[in-house]
N, C-alpha and C. Protein backbone atom coordinates (compact mmCIF):
# COMPACT_ATOMS: atom_id res chain seq x y z
N MET A 1 88.09 107.09 109.35
CA MET A 1 87.48 106.35 108.26
C MET A 1 87.31 105.10 108.30
N ASP A 2 85.95 104.61 108.47
CA ASP A 2 86.18 102.91 108.65
C ASP A 2 85.76 102.12 107.38
N ILE A 3 87.25 101.36 107.80
CA ILE A 3 86.63 100.08 106.40
C ILE A 3 85.42 100.08 105.79
N ASP A 4 84.60 100.30 106.40
CA ASP A 4 83.06 99.56 105.55
C ASP A 4 82.51 101.03 104.82
N ALA A 5 82.97 101.70 105.15
CA ALA A 5 82.43 103.26 104.26
C ALA A 5 83.70 103.48 103.05
N ILE A 6 84.95 103.42 103.32
CA ILE A 6 85.89 103.28 102.22
C ILE A 6 85.42 102.00 101.18
N LEU A 7 85.18 101.01 101.73
CA LEU A 7 85.01 99.77 100.54
C LEU A 7 83.52 100.30 99.87
N ASP A 8 82.54 100.73 100.67
CA ASP A 8 81.61 101.08 99.74
C ASP A 8 81.32 102.40 98.94
N LYS A 9 82.40 103.22 99.80
CA LYS A 9 83.20 104.15 98.83
C LYS A 9 83.30 103.98 97.52
N ILE A 10 84.15 102.95 96.87
CA ILE A 10 84.23 102.28 96.37
C ILE A 10 83.55 102.24 95.12
N TYR A 11 82.32 101.01 96.04
CA TYR A 11 81.43 99.91 95.11
C TYR A 11 80.95 98.88 95.90
N GLN A 12 79.33 99.26 96.12
CA GLN A 12 79.13 98.68 96.97
C GLN A 12 78.54 96.88 96.70
N ILE A 13 79.17 96.05 97.63
CA ILE A 13 78.73 94.76 97.23
C ILE A 13 77.72 93.98 98.71
N PRO A 14 77.49 92.94 98.26
CA PRO A 14 76.68 92.44 99.12
C PRO A 14 77.66 91.71 100.35
N GLU A 15 76.88 91.97 101.50
CA GLU A 15 77.11 91.84 103.27
C GLU A 15 78.06 90.70 102.89
N LYS A 16 77.27 89.31 102.16
CA LYS A 16 78.23 88.29 102.47
C LYS A 16 80.07 89.01 101.83
N SER A 17 79.85 89.21 101.25
CA SER A 17 80.99 88.95 99.82
C SER A 17 81.95 90.09 100.91
N LYS A 18 81.37 91.30 101.42
CA LYS A 18 82.07 92.34 102.39
C LYS A 18 82.51 91.85 103.38
N LYS A 19 81.91 91.12 103.78
CA LYS A 19 82.35 90.32 105.12
C LYS A 19 84.11 89.61 104.72
N ALA A 20 83.75 88.64 103.46
CA ALA A 20 84.89 87.87 102.82
C ALA A 20 85.89 89.03 102.31
N LEU A 21 86.38 90.19 102.31
CA LEU A 21 86.57 91.19 101.74
C LEU A 21 87.88 91.34 103.00
N LYS A 22 86.76 91.99 103.94
CA LYS A 22 87.39 92.50 105.17
C LYS A 22 87.88 91.99 106.40
N GLU A 23 87.72 90.43 106.07
CA GLU A 23 88.11 89.41 106.83
C GLU A 23 89.58 88.98 106.18
N SER A 24 90.06 89.39 104.75
CA SER A 24 91.42 89.64 104.36
C SER A 24 92.42 91.01 104.80
N VAL A 25 91.59 92.16 105.47
CA VAL A 25 91.96 93.36 105.46
C VAL A 25 92.76 93.51 107.18
N GLY A 26 94.04 93.49 107.06
CA GLY A 26 94.35 94.13 108.50
C GLY A 26 94.37 95.40 108.66
N SER A 27 94.84 95.65 110.05
CA SER A 27 95.16 97.25 110.26
C SER A 27 96.95 97.72 110.90
N VAL A 28 97.29 98.38 110.58
CA VAL A 28 98.49 99.15 110.47
C VAL A 28 98.97 100.30 111.00
N SER A 29 100.00 100.48 111.23
CA SER A 29 100.43 101.73 112.00
C SER A 29 101.61 102.62 111.70
N TYR A 30 101.60 104.02 111.40
CA TYR A 30 102.85 103.72 110.67
C TYR A 30 103.51 105.54 110.85
N PRO A 31 104.96 105.65 111.07
CA PRO A 31 104.91 107.12 112.06
C PRO A 31 104.66 107.91 110.74
N LYS A 32 105.06 109.20 110.84
CA LYS A 32 105.02 110.21 110.02
C LYS A 32 106.61 110.21 109.13
N GLY A 33 106.80 110.40 107.82
CA GLY A 33 108.03 109.97 107.03
C GLY A 33 108.22 108.26 106.63
N TYR A 34 107.22 107.84 107.56
CA TYR A 34 107.79 106.48 106.69
C TYR A 34 107.57 106.45 105.32
N ILE A 35 108.30 105.67 104.79
CA ILE A 35 108.05 105.35 102.97
C ILE A 35 107.52 104.35 103.73
N LEU A 36 105.98 103.94 102.55
CA LEU A 36 105.19 103.44 102.74
C LEU A 36 105.34 101.71 101.50
N LEU A 37 105.36 102.90 100.43
CA LEU A 37 105.70 101.99 99.16
C LEU A 37 106.88 102.21 98.72
N LYS A 38 107.60 102.09 97.77
CA LYS A 38 108.91 102.29 97.60
C LYS A 38 108.93 101.99 95.85
N ALA A 39 110.19 102.86 95.32
CA ALA A 39 110.45 102.83 93.71
C ALA A 39 111.37 101.46 93.68
N ASP A 40 111.06 101.06 92.20
CA ASP A 40 111.74 99.93 91.71
C ASP A 40 112.05 98.41 92.74
N LYS A 41 110.73 98.72 92.77
CA LYS A 41 110.36 97.38 94.12
C LYS A 41 108.69 96.71 93.77
N VAL A 42 108.68 95.78 93.47
CA VAL A 42 107.02 95.06 93.50
C VAL A 42 106.11 95.06 94.46
N GLU A 43 105.32 95.83 94.91
CA GLU A 43 104.54 96.20 95.66
C GLU A 43 103.57 95.11 96.21
N SER A 44 103.31 94.48 97.09
CA SER A 44 102.65 93.14 97.49
C SER A 44 101.44 93.59 98.52
N ASN A 45 101.27 95.22 98.48
CA ASN A 45 100.18 94.97 99.17
C ASN A 45 99.48 96.88 98.70
N ILE A 46 98.23 96.41 99.11
CA ILE A 46 97.74 98.08 98.85
C ILE A 46 97.03 98.32 100.55
N TYR A 47 96.82 99.59 100.63
CA TYR A 47 96.74 100.24 101.92
C TYR A 47 94.98 101.08 101.61
N PHE A 48 94.34 101.69 102.54
CA PHE A 48 93.65 102.76 102.38
C PHE A 48 93.69 103.70 103.78
N ILE A 49 93.57 104.11 103.85
CA ILE A 49 93.79 105.73 104.52
C ILE A 49 92.76 105.51 105.55
N GLN A 50 92.88 104.66 106.72
CA GLN A 50 91.67 105.44 108.16
C GLN A 50 92.06 106.65 108.40
N LYS A 51 93.62 107.14 108.89
CA LYS A 51 93.39 108.61 109.51
C LYS A 51 95.26 108.79 108.64
N GLY A 52 95.30 109.79 108.64
CA GLY A 52 96.58 110.33 108.24
C GLY A 52 96.51 110.58 106.51
N ILE A 53 97.97 111.28 106.31
CA ILE A 53 98.24 111.70 105.04
C ILE A 53 99.64 111.79 104.30
N ALA A 54 99.55 110.87 102.68
CA ALA A 54 100.46 110.47 102.00
C ALA A 54 100.34 111.40 101.16
N ARG A 55 101.98 110.93 100.26
CA ARG A 55 101.92 111.85 98.86
C ARG A 55 103.13 110.73 98.85
N ALA A 56 102.37 110.82 96.87
CA ALA A 56 103.55 109.79 96.29
C ALA A 56 103.76 110.69 95.15
N TYR A 57 105.24 109.97 94.91
CA TYR A 57 106.55 111.18 94.49
C TYR A 57 107.23 110.43 93.34
N ALA A 58 107.84 110.94 92.77
CA ALA A 58 109.56 110.31 91.64
C ALA A 58 110.41 110.84 92.24
N SER A 59 111.76 110.29 92.05
CA SER A 59 112.89 111.12 92.65
C SER A 59 113.28 111.19 90.23
N LEU A 60 113.64 112.82 90.40
CA LEU A 60 114.49 112.85 89.48
C LEU A 60 115.77 113.39 89.63
N GLU A 61 116.65 113.61 89.43
CA GLU A 61 117.58 114.28 88.84
C GLU A 61 118.35 115.16 90.34
N ASN A 62 117.90 114.47 91.31
CA ASN A 62 118.46 115.36 92.95
C ASN A 62 116.89 116.23 93.43
N THR A 63 115.98 115.94 92.58
CA THR A 63 114.32 116.26 92.93
C THR A 63 113.59 115.38 93.22
N GLU A 64 112.60 116.33 93.76
CA GLU A 64 111.11 114.79 94.23
C GLU A 64 110.07 115.25 93.28
N ILE A 65 109.17 114.97 92.64
CA ILE A 65 108.28 115.58 92.17
C ILE A 65 106.88 114.34 92.55
N THR A 66 106.13 115.44 93.31
CA THR A 66 104.59 114.96 93.85
C THR A 66 103.89 114.94 92.76
N PHE A 67 103.07 113.51 92.49
CA PHE A 67 102.15 113.88 91.64
C PHE A 67 100.91 113.18 92.58
N TRP A 68 100.76 113.58 93.21
CA TRP A 68 99.53 112.52 94.70
C TRP A 68 99.93 113.07 95.47
N PHE A 69 98.69 113.32 96.27
CA PHE A 69 98.29 113.66 97.64
C PHE A 69 97.03 112.13 97.70
N GLY A 70 97.01 111.24 99.15
CA GLY A 70 96.07 110.55 99.74
C GLY A 70 95.68 111.37 101.12
N LYS A 71 94.10 111.25 101.40
CA LYS A 71 94.03 111.38 102.98
C LYS A 71 93.15 110.32 103.05
N GLU A 72 92.05 110.37 104.57
CA GLU A 72 91.44 109.74 104.84
C GLU A 72 90.63 109.14 103.52
N GLY A 73 90.62 108.37 104.25
CA GLY A 73 89.69 106.94 102.95
C GLY A 73 90.38 106.67 101.25
N ASP A 74 91.06 107.41 101.31
CA ASP A 74 92.01 107.38 99.71
C ASP A 74 92.77 106.09 99.69
N THR A 75 92.44 105.29 99.12
CA THR A 75 93.47 104.41 98.48
C THR A 75 94.98 104.55 98.23
N VAL A 76 96.06 103.76 98.91
CA VAL A 76 97.63 104.06 98.36
C VAL A 76 97.88 102.50 97.66
N ILE A 77 98.10 102.66 96.01
CA ILE A 77 98.59 101.46 95.69
C ILE A 77 99.65 101.78 94.56
N SER A 78 99.92 100.36 94.61
CA SER A 78 101.43 101.21 93.12
C SER A 78 101.18 100.08 92.32
N MET A 79 99.91 101.15 91.39
CA MET A 79 98.89 100.71 90.15
C MET A 79 100.10 99.52 89.15
N LYS A 80 100.83 99.62 89.05
CA LYS A 80 102.21 98.53 88.20
C LYS A 80 102.40 97.52 89.02
N SER A 81 102.93 97.42 90.31
CA SER A 81 102.39 96.26 90.93
C SER A 81 101.51 95.57 90.97
N TYR A 82 100.19 96.41 91.45
CA TYR A 82 98.57 95.44 91.38
C TYR A 82 98.62 95.28 90.21
N VAL A 83 98.80 95.63 88.65
CA VAL A 83 97.90 95.30 87.94
C VAL A 83 98.97 94.38 87.08
N ALA A 84 100.38 94.58 87.26
CA ALA A 84 101.74 93.59 85.79
C ALA A 84 102.23 92.76 86.64
N ASP A 85 101.38 93.22 88.26
CA ASP A 85 103.02 92.42 89.25
C ASP A 85 104.87 93.17 88.72
N GLN A 86 104.85 94.34 88.29
CA GLN A 86 106.30 94.90 87.97
C GLN A 86 106.24 95.68 88.95
N LYS A 87 107.45 96.12 88.80
CA LYS A 87 108.04 97.46 89.99
C LYS A 87 107.65 98.39 89.73
N GLY A 88 107.60 99.03 90.67
CA GLY A 88 106.33 100.41 90.05
C GLY A 88 107.30 101.36 90.62
N TYR A 89 107.25 102.71 90.01
CA TYR A 89 107.88 103.62 89.37
C TYR A 89 108.33 104.94 90.99
N GLU A 90 106.55 104.48 91.47
CA GLU A 90 107.34 105.79 92.83
C GLU A 90 107.35 105.28 94.28
N ASN A 91 107.37 106.35 94.88
CA ASN A 91 107.59 106.32 96.54
C ASN A 91 106.74 107.06 97.04
N ILE A 92 106.41 106.51 98.19
CA ILE A 92 104.86 106.57 98.73
C ILE A 92 105.19 107.22 100.49
N GLU A 93 105.35 108.61 100.43
CA GLU A 93 105.92 108.75 102.08
C GLU A 93 104.49 109.34 103.06
N LEU A 94 104.17 109.12 104.05
CA LEU A 94 103.52 109.23 105.18
C LEU A 94 103.63 110.12 105.03
N LEU A 95 103.21 111.62 105.44
CA LEU A 95 103.22 113.45 105.78
C LEU A 95 102.72 113.49 107.08
N GLU A 96 102.41 111.98 107.58
CA GLU A 96 101.43 112.43 109.01
C GLU A 96 101.85 110.87 109.69
N LYS A 97 101.64 110.74 110.98
CA LYS A 97 101.35 109.62 111.43
C LYS A 97 100.13 109.02 110.79
N SER A 98 100.31 107.27 110.83
CA SER A 98 98.86 107.18 109.88
C SER A 98 98.41 105.91 110.08
N ASP A 99 97.03 105.43 110.67
CA ASP A 99 96.41 104.62 111.04
C ASP A 99 95.91 104.21 109.21
N LEU A 100 96.45 102.54 109.09
CA LEU A 100 96.07 102.10 108.00
C LEU A 100 95.29 101.20 108.07
N TYR A 101 94.55 100.50 106.89
CA TYR A 101 94.25 98.74 106.62
C TYR A 101 94.91 98.58 105.74
N GLU A 102 95.24 97.90 105.24
CA GLU A 102 96.20 96.87 104.27
C GLU A 102 95.54 95.35 104.14
N LEU A 103 95.73 95.24 102.91
CA LEU A 103 95.09 94.25 101.74
C LEU A 103 95.95 93.71 100.73
N ASN A 104 96.59 91.85 101.05
CA ASN A 104 97.61 91.34 99.97
C ASN A 104 96.79 91.67 99.53
N THR A 105 97.88 92.06 97.58
CA THR A 105 97.33 91.83 96.23
C THR A 105 97.14 90.72 96.06
N GLN A 106 97.76 89.57 96.68
CA GLN A 106 98.21 87.88 96.25
C GLN A 106 96.23 87.57 96.82
N ARG A 107 95.96 87.87 97.97
CA ARG A 107 94.67 87.64 98.92
C ARG A 107 93.38 88.11 98.10
N LEU A 108 93.87 89.10 97.33
CA LEU A 108 92.90 89.96 97.02
C LEU A 108 92.61 89.40 95.67
N ARG A 109 93.37 89.17 95.02
CA ARG A 109 93.02 88.37 93.79
C ARG A 109 92.67 86.80 93.75
N HIS A 110 92.86 86.14 94.64
CA HIS A 110 91.95 84.88 95.26
C HIS A 110 90.36 84.99 94.94
N LEU A 111 90.44 86.60 96.05
CA LEU A 111 88.99 86.62 96.68
C LEU A 111 88.27 87.00 94.75
N PHE A 112 88.87 87.85 93.98
CA PHE A 112 88.09 87.78 92.93
C PHE A 112 88.17 86.64 92.24
N ASP A 113 88.44 85.40 92.47
CA ASP A 113 88.71 84.14 91.72
C ASP A 113 87.38 83.09 92.16
N GLU A 114 86.80 83.83 93.75
CA GLU A 114 85.58 82.98 95.20
C GLU A 114 84.62 83.82 94.23
N ASP A 115 84.66 85.07 94.57
CA ASP A 115 83.77 86.11 94.45
C ASP A 115 83.60 87.02 93.29
N ILE A 116 82.26 86.90 92.62
CA ILE A 116 82.38 87.80 91.21
C ILE A 116 81.86 89.24 91.68
N HIS A 117 81.61 89.08 92.86
CA HIS A 117 81.32 90.49 93.42
C HIS A 117 82.34 91.35 93.86
N ILE A 118 83.12 90.40 94.64
CA ILE A 118 84.58 91.16 94.89
C ILE A 118 85.18 91.25 93.72
N ALA A 119 85.01 90.46 92.68
CA ALA A 119 85.55 90.94 91.28
C ALA A 119 85.45 92.49 90.57
N ASN A 120 84.18 92.17 90.72
CA ASN A 120 83.30 93.20 90.66
C ASN A 120 83.78 94.50 91.08
N TRP A 121 84.03 94.77 92.45
CA TRP A 121 84.49 95.82 93.58
C TRP A 121 85.58 96.50 92.63
N GLY A 122 86.63 95.07 92.62
CA GLY A 122 87.90 95.07 92.03
C GLY A 122 87.93 95.91 90.46
N ARG A 123 87.12 95.86 89.66
CA ARG A 123 87.35 96.73 88.63
C ARG A 123 86.43 97.66 88.96
N LYS A 124 85.65 98.17 89.01
CA LYS A 124 84.94 99.81 90.13
C LYS A 124 86.45 100.38 90.10
N PHE A 125 86.85 99.27 91.28
CA PHE A 125 87.83 100.23 91.75
C PHE A 125 89.13 100.56 91.07
N ALA A 126 89.44 99.88 90.10
CA ALA A 126 90.53 99.53 88.76
C ALA A 126 90.16 101.23 88.34
N GLU A 127 88.59 101.07 88.09
CA GLU A 127 87.96 102.10 86.79
C GLU A 127 88.12 103.27 87.72
N GLN A 128 88.00 103.57 88.85
CA GLN A 128 88.38 105.06 89.88
C GLN A 128 89.26 105.08 89.39
N GLU A 129 90.76 104.55 90.03
CA GLU A 129 91.83 104.83 89.74
C GLU A 129 92.38 105.26 88.73
N LEU A 130 91.43 104.60 87.45
CA LEU A 130 92.00 105.18 85.97
C LEU A 130 91.62 106.73 85.58
N VAL A 131 90.37 106.97 85.95
CA VAL A 131 89.74 108.28 86.12
C VAL A 131 90.77 109.09 87.10
N LYS A 132 90.99 108.68 88.44
CA LYS A 132 91.51 109.45 88.75
C LYS A 132 92.96 110.27 88.48
N THR A 133 93.84 109.44 87.14
CA THR A 133 94.59 109.52 86.66
C THR A 133 94.73 110.29 85.50
N GLU A 134 93.68 109.72 84.87
CA GLU A 134 93.11 110.78 84.00
C GLU A 134 92.94 112.65 83.79
N GLU A 135 91.90 112.42 85.25
CA GLU A 135 92.13 113.75 85.67
C GLU A 135 92.91 114.59 85.92
N ARG A 136 94.09 114.13 86.64
CA ARG A 136 95.06 114.71 87.06
C ARG A 136 96.19 115.37 85.52
N LEU A 137 96.36 114.02 85.04
CA LEU A 137 96.80 114.17 83.45
C LEU A 137 95.86 115.65 82.71
N ILE A 138 94.77 115.96 82.48
CA ILE A 138 94.17 116.45 82.13
C ILE A 138 94.27 117.80 82.96
N SER A 139 94.43 118.19 83.89
CA SER A 139 94.69 119.41 84.76
C SER A 139 96.03 119.75 85.02
N ARG A 140 97.09 118.79 84.77
CA ARG A 140 98.47 119.12 84.72
C ARG A 140 99.06 120.08 83.13
N GLN A 141 97.74 119.12 82.37
CA GLN A 141 97.97 119.68 80.74
C GLN A 141 97.32 121.05 80.16
N PHE A 142 96.16 120.82 80.18
CA PHE A 142 95.81 121.86 80.27
C PHE A 142 95.41 123.50 81.07
N ARG A 143 95.55 123.10 82.10
CA ARG A 143 94.95 124.41 83.36
C ARG A 143 96.07 125.16 83.87
N THR A 144 95.96 126.39 83.81
CA THR A 144 97.29 126.98 84.48
C THR A 144 97.43 126.69 86.45
N ALA A 145 98.48 127.11 86.12
CA ALA A 145 98.94 127.01 87.93
C ALA A 145 98.16 127.40 88.59
N LEU A 146 97.60 128.76 88.13
CA LEU A 146 96.85 129.28 89.41
C LEU A 146 95.40 128.41 89.06
N GLU A 147 94.77 127.66 88.08
CA GLU A 147 93.33 127.11 87.73
C GLU A 147 93.97 125.67 89.04
N ARG A 148 94.98 125.36 88.91
CA ARG A 148 95.14 124.14 88.99
C ARG A 148 95.64 124.47 90.58
N TYR A 149 95.69 125.51 91.06
CA TYR A 149 95.48 125.96 92.45
C TYR A 149 94.69 125.92 92.87
N LYS A 150 93.34 126.69 92.10
CA LYS A 150 92.25 126.68 92.82
C LYS A 150 91.28 125.26 92.91
N GLU A 151 91.35 124.30 92.07
CA GLU A 151 91.01 123.23 92.29
C GLU A 151 91.66 122.86 93.75
N LEU A 152 92.62 123.09 93.48
CA LEU A 152 92.79 122.01 95.40
C LEU A 152 92.38 123.12 96.05
N MET A 153 92.13 124.06 95.83
CA MET A 153 91.23 125.01 97.40
C MET A 153 89.92 124.85 97.02
N LYS A 154 89.63 123.97 96.38
CA LYS A 154 88.03 123.86 96.14
C LYS A 154 87.84 122.35 97.01
N HIS A 155 88.51 121.12 96.44
CA HIS A 155 88.24 120.22 96.30
C HIS A 155 89.41 119.55 97.73
N SER A 156 90.39 120.31 97.87
CA SER A 156 91.01 119.18 99.40
C SER A 156 92.05 120.85 99.32
N PRO A 157 90.68 121.51 100.22
CA PRO A 157 91.42 122.73 101.22
C PRO A 157 92.34 122.33 102.44
N ASP A 158 91.97 121.26 102.74
CA ASP A 158 93.09 121.10 104.44
C ASP A 158 94.39 120.41 103.83
N LEU A 159 94.49 120.23 102.43
CA LEU A 159 95.97 119.90 102.46
C LEU A 159 96.55 121.23 102.90
N LEU A 160 95.95 122.21 102.39
CA LEU A 160 96.88 123.26 102.51
C LEU A 160 97.41 123.35 103.93
N GLN A 161 97.02 123.42 104.78
CA GLN A 161 96.87 122.97 106.44
C GLN A 161 97.79 121.74 106.73
N ARG A 162 97.48 120.78 105.85
CA ARG A 162 98.12 119.80 106.77
C ARG A 162 99.75 119.36 105.27
N VAL A 163 99.56 119.99 104.63
CA VAL A 163 101.21 119.51 103.76
C VAL A 163 102.15 120.84 103.62
N GLN A 164 103.43 120.80 103.55
CA GLN A 164 104.48 121.51 103.36
C GLN A 164 103.82 122.51 102.17
N LEU A 165 104.23 123.44 101.98
CA LEU A 165 104.33 124.22 100.33
C LEU A 165 105.22 123.95 99.61
N GLY A 166 105.95 122.83 99.88
CA GLY A 166 107.32 122.95 98.61
C GLY A 166 106.64 121.33 98.23
N HIS A 167 106.04 120.83 98.77
CA HIS A 167 105.08 119.26 97.98
C HIS A 167 103.98 119.70 97.60
N ILE A 168 103.36 120.67 97.82
CA ILE A 168 102.13 121.51 97.25
C ILE A 168 103.00 121.95 95.96
N ALA A 169 104.19 122.74 95.88
CA ALA A 169 104.48 123.50 94.90
C ALA A 169 104.81 122.43 93.31
N SER A 170 105.78 121.37 93.78
CA SER A 170 105.74 120.25 93.12
C SER A 170 104.52 119.65 92.74
N TYR A 171 103.91 119.43 93.56
CA TYR A 171 102.30 118.48 92.86
C TYR A 171 101.53 119.32 91.70
N LEU A 172 101.67 121.03 92.15
CA LEU A 172 101.11 122.17 90.82
C LEU A 172 102.07 121.63 89.43
N GLY A 173 103.51 121.65 89.88
CA GLY A 173 104.20 121.87 88.97
C GLY A 173 104.45 123.36 88.72
N ILE A 174 104.92 123.62 89.58
CA ILE A 174 105.28 125.26 90.01
C ILE A 174 106.43 125.38 91.04
N THR A 175 107.17 126.79 91.04
CA THR A 175 108.12 127.03 92.10
C THR A 175 107.52 127.64 93.52
N GLN A 176 107.93 127.00 94.39
CA GLN A 176 107.58 127.91 95.56
C GLN A 176 107.60 129.24 95.31
N VAL A 177 108.40 129.81 94.82
CA VAL A 177 108.15 131.70 94.68
C VAL A 177 107.08 131.83 93.66
N THR A 178 106.44 130.96 93.07
CA THR A 178 105.39 130.84 92.03
C THR A 178 104.47 130.92 92.74
N LEU A 179 103.92 129.86 94.12
CA LEU A 179 102.96 129.70 94.91
C LEU A 179 102.93 130.34 95.40
N SER A 180 104.14 130.92 96.11
CA SER A 180 103.84 132.56 96.94
C SER A 180 102.73 133.31 95.51
N ARG A 181 103.86 133.58 95.11
CA ARG A 181 102.76 134.49 93.95
C ARG A 181 101.06 134.53 93.94
N ILE A 182 101.12 133.46 93.59
CA ILE A 182 99.57 133.12 93.68
C ILE A 182 98.82 133.41 94.58
N ARG A 183 99.33 132.54 95.72
CA ARG A 183 98.46 132.97 96.92
C ARG A 183 98.42 134.20 97.59
N ALA A 184 99.49 135.17 97.40
CA ALA A 184 98.98 136.33 97.51
C ALA A 184 97.88 137.07 97.00
N GLU A 185 98.12 136.60 95.47
CA GLU A 185 97.38 137.09 94.44
C GLU A 185 95.91 137.37 95.18
N LEU A 186 95.50 136.01 95.52
CA LEU A 186 94.16 135.64 95.91
C LEU A 186 93.55 135.89 97.07
N ARG A 187 94.53 136.85 97.83
CA ARG A 187 94.33 137.05 99.42
C ARG A 187 93.42 138.29 98.82
């Protein structure tokens, strides 16, 4: 997915403003398994996935709990670092070789101060991230494992082909055995 489509998906801004924003975006590539963002570190960049897939996870008592997947067009960010300049709690691992767009957070804040359209883009971005987080929380709290799996199949069927089942089970808050049972039930 190209940078224009990603930026427009968040919020459309005038071409002059988009040009200024794009001038601050670079391209990077990393291999499968690369830890893009690290827990307990203030992250200074946000990323947009051009090609590839990532997962966010937290480590807890010798286990990893996956709570987010990102793919083409999605943003990779530590919201705690972005909003409060504080250490994030998540690791973000690339599950495939990935091509990313990189944007320095301080540079973005400078653009917010210079251009109201970019500032509005940033507000819309933060609002969308908040809604996504709220939807994940509500899904985890109020839907059964079967409902969460069906929702994943409906909205992101490609994840089931691209991501290890262990990560999918963790994301759904179930064991791999339970995931296998659910998958067998649906066949």
